[in-house]
Amino acid sequence: MDIVLTYNSKKERALETIAEIEQPGQTAIALQLNTADIKSFHSFFELLKRELSNNFGPQKINYRVNNAGIGINSPFAETTEEYSGPLFRMY
């Protein structure tokens, strides 16, 4: 599978991961995303659409794996934009 991954601040680690994914012949890209900054989502999705088209062809995602916000349990209905910052920050 080809992969799009996101990172918040550790670009070097993201690039190392991309190199590992690409070694056996897969395609991968890394895009910066701070999930605590909800106002940035629109521009991120525009960038994602462009990168999907440029690197993978169709603008389609078959699978999604979420690893942001692990370790803290809170019901989704109780999570507000103000409260989500520390929960969904990606390191």
Protein backbone atom coordinates (compact mmCIF):
# COMPACT_ATOMS: atom_id res chain seq x y z
CA MET A 1 0.00 0.00 0.00
CA ASP A 2 1.03 3.55 -0.60
CA ILE A 3 0.93 5.76 2.46
CA VAL A 4 0.23 9.34 3.53
CA LEU A 5 1.38 10.03 7.06
CA THR A 6 1.18 13.14 9.16
CA TYR A 7 3.54 14.60 11.70
CA ASN A 8 3.40 17.64 13.93
CA SER A 9 6.97 18.58 14.81
CA LYS A 10 9.34 15.69 14.08
CA LYS A 11 9.86 16.09 10.35
CA GLU A 12 13.17 14.20 10.41
CA ARG A 13 11.50 11.10 11.91
CA ALA A 14 8.70 11.37 9.35
CA LEU A 15 11.27 11.47 6.52
CA GLU A 16 13.06 8.43 7.99
CA THR A 17 9.73 6.59 8.04
CA ILE A 18 9.09 7.60 4.42
CA ALA A 19 12.49 6.20 3.42
CA GLU A 20 11.68 2.87 5.11
CA ILE A 21 8.31 2.67 3.36
CA GLU A 22 9.79 3.51 -0.04
CA GLN A 23 12.69 1.05 0.19
CA PRO A 24 10.62 -1.97 -0.98
CA GLY A 25 8.97 0.12 -3.72
CA GLN A 26 5.94 1.74 -2.10
CA THR A 27 5.08 5.41 -2.44
CA ALA A 28 4.74 7.55 0.68
CA ILE A 29 4.48 11.21 1.60
CA ALA A 30 4.54 13.04 4.93
CA LEU A 31 2.43 16.13 5.56
CA GLN A 32 2.64 18.39 8.57
CA LEU A 33 -0.56 18.54 10.63
CA ASN A 34 -1.18 19.94 14.08
CA THR A 35 -4.47 18.30 15.07
CA ALA A 36 -4.87 20.76 17.94
CA ASP A 37 -5.22 23.60 15.41
CA ILE A 38 -8.69 22.92 14.03
CA LYS A 39 -8.64 26.13 12.00
CA SER A 40 -5.82 24.69 9.87
CA PHE A 41 -7.85 21.66 8.74
CA HIS A 42 -9.29 23.28 5.59
CA SER A 43 -5.85 24.18 4.22
CA PHE A 44 -4.53 20.74 5.21
CA PHE A 45 -7.32 19.00 3.28
CA GLU A 46 -6.61 21.15 0.22
CA LEU A 47 -2.93 20.20 0.44
CA LEU A 48 -3.86 16.54 0.95
CA LYS A 49 -6.07 16.55 -2.18
CA ARG A 50 -3.24 18.06 -4.25
CA GLU A 51 -0.67 15.60 -2.90
CA LEU A 52 -2.96 12.61 -3.46
CA SER A 53 -3.46 13.68 -7.06
CA ASN A 54 0.25 14.45 -7.65
CA ASN A 55 1.65 11.33 -5.98
CA PHE A 56 -1.00 8.64 -6.17
CA GLY A 57 -3.41 9.49 -8.98
CA PRO A 58 -7.02 9.37 -7.78
CA GLN A 59 -7.98 11.42 -4.75
CA LYS A 60 -9.06 8.41 -2.76
CA ILE A 61 -8.15 7.00 0.65
CA ASN A 62 -8.85 3.32 1.21
CA TYR A 63 -7.81 3.02 4.87
CA ARG A 64 -7.15 5.35 7.77
CA VAL A 65 -5.18 4.63 10.91
CA ASN A 66 -5.47 7.10 13.77
CA ASN A 67 -2.68 7.18 16.31
CA ALA A 68 -3.27 10.68 17.64
CA GLY A 69 -4.62 11.20 21.11
CA ILE A 70 -3.85 7.78 22.48
CA GLY A 71 -3.65 7.24 26.22
CA ILE A 72 -6.43 9.59 27.34
CA ASN A 73 -10.00 8.38 27.30
CA SER A 74 -12.83 10.85 26.95
CA PRO A 75 -16.24 10.39 25.33
CA PHE A 76 -16.38 12.04 21.92
CA ALA A 77 -19.54 13.96 22.86
CA GLU A 78 -17.67 15.57 25.77
CA THR A 79 -14.69 16.66 23.66
CA THR A 80 -14.84 20.30 22.63
CA GLU A 81 -12.44 22.26 20.44
CA GLU A 82 -11.00 23.93 23.55
CA TYR A 83 -10.58 20.59 25.32
CA SER A 84 -9.20 18.65 22.36
CA GLY A 85 -5.82 20.39 22.13
CA PRO A 86 -3.81 18.23 24.55
CA LEU A 87 -5.76 15.11 23.61
CA PHE A 88 -5.08 15.14 19.90
CA ARG A 89 -1.64 16.70 19.70
CA MET A 90 0.69 14.60 17.56
CA TYR A 91 4.33 14.20 18.62
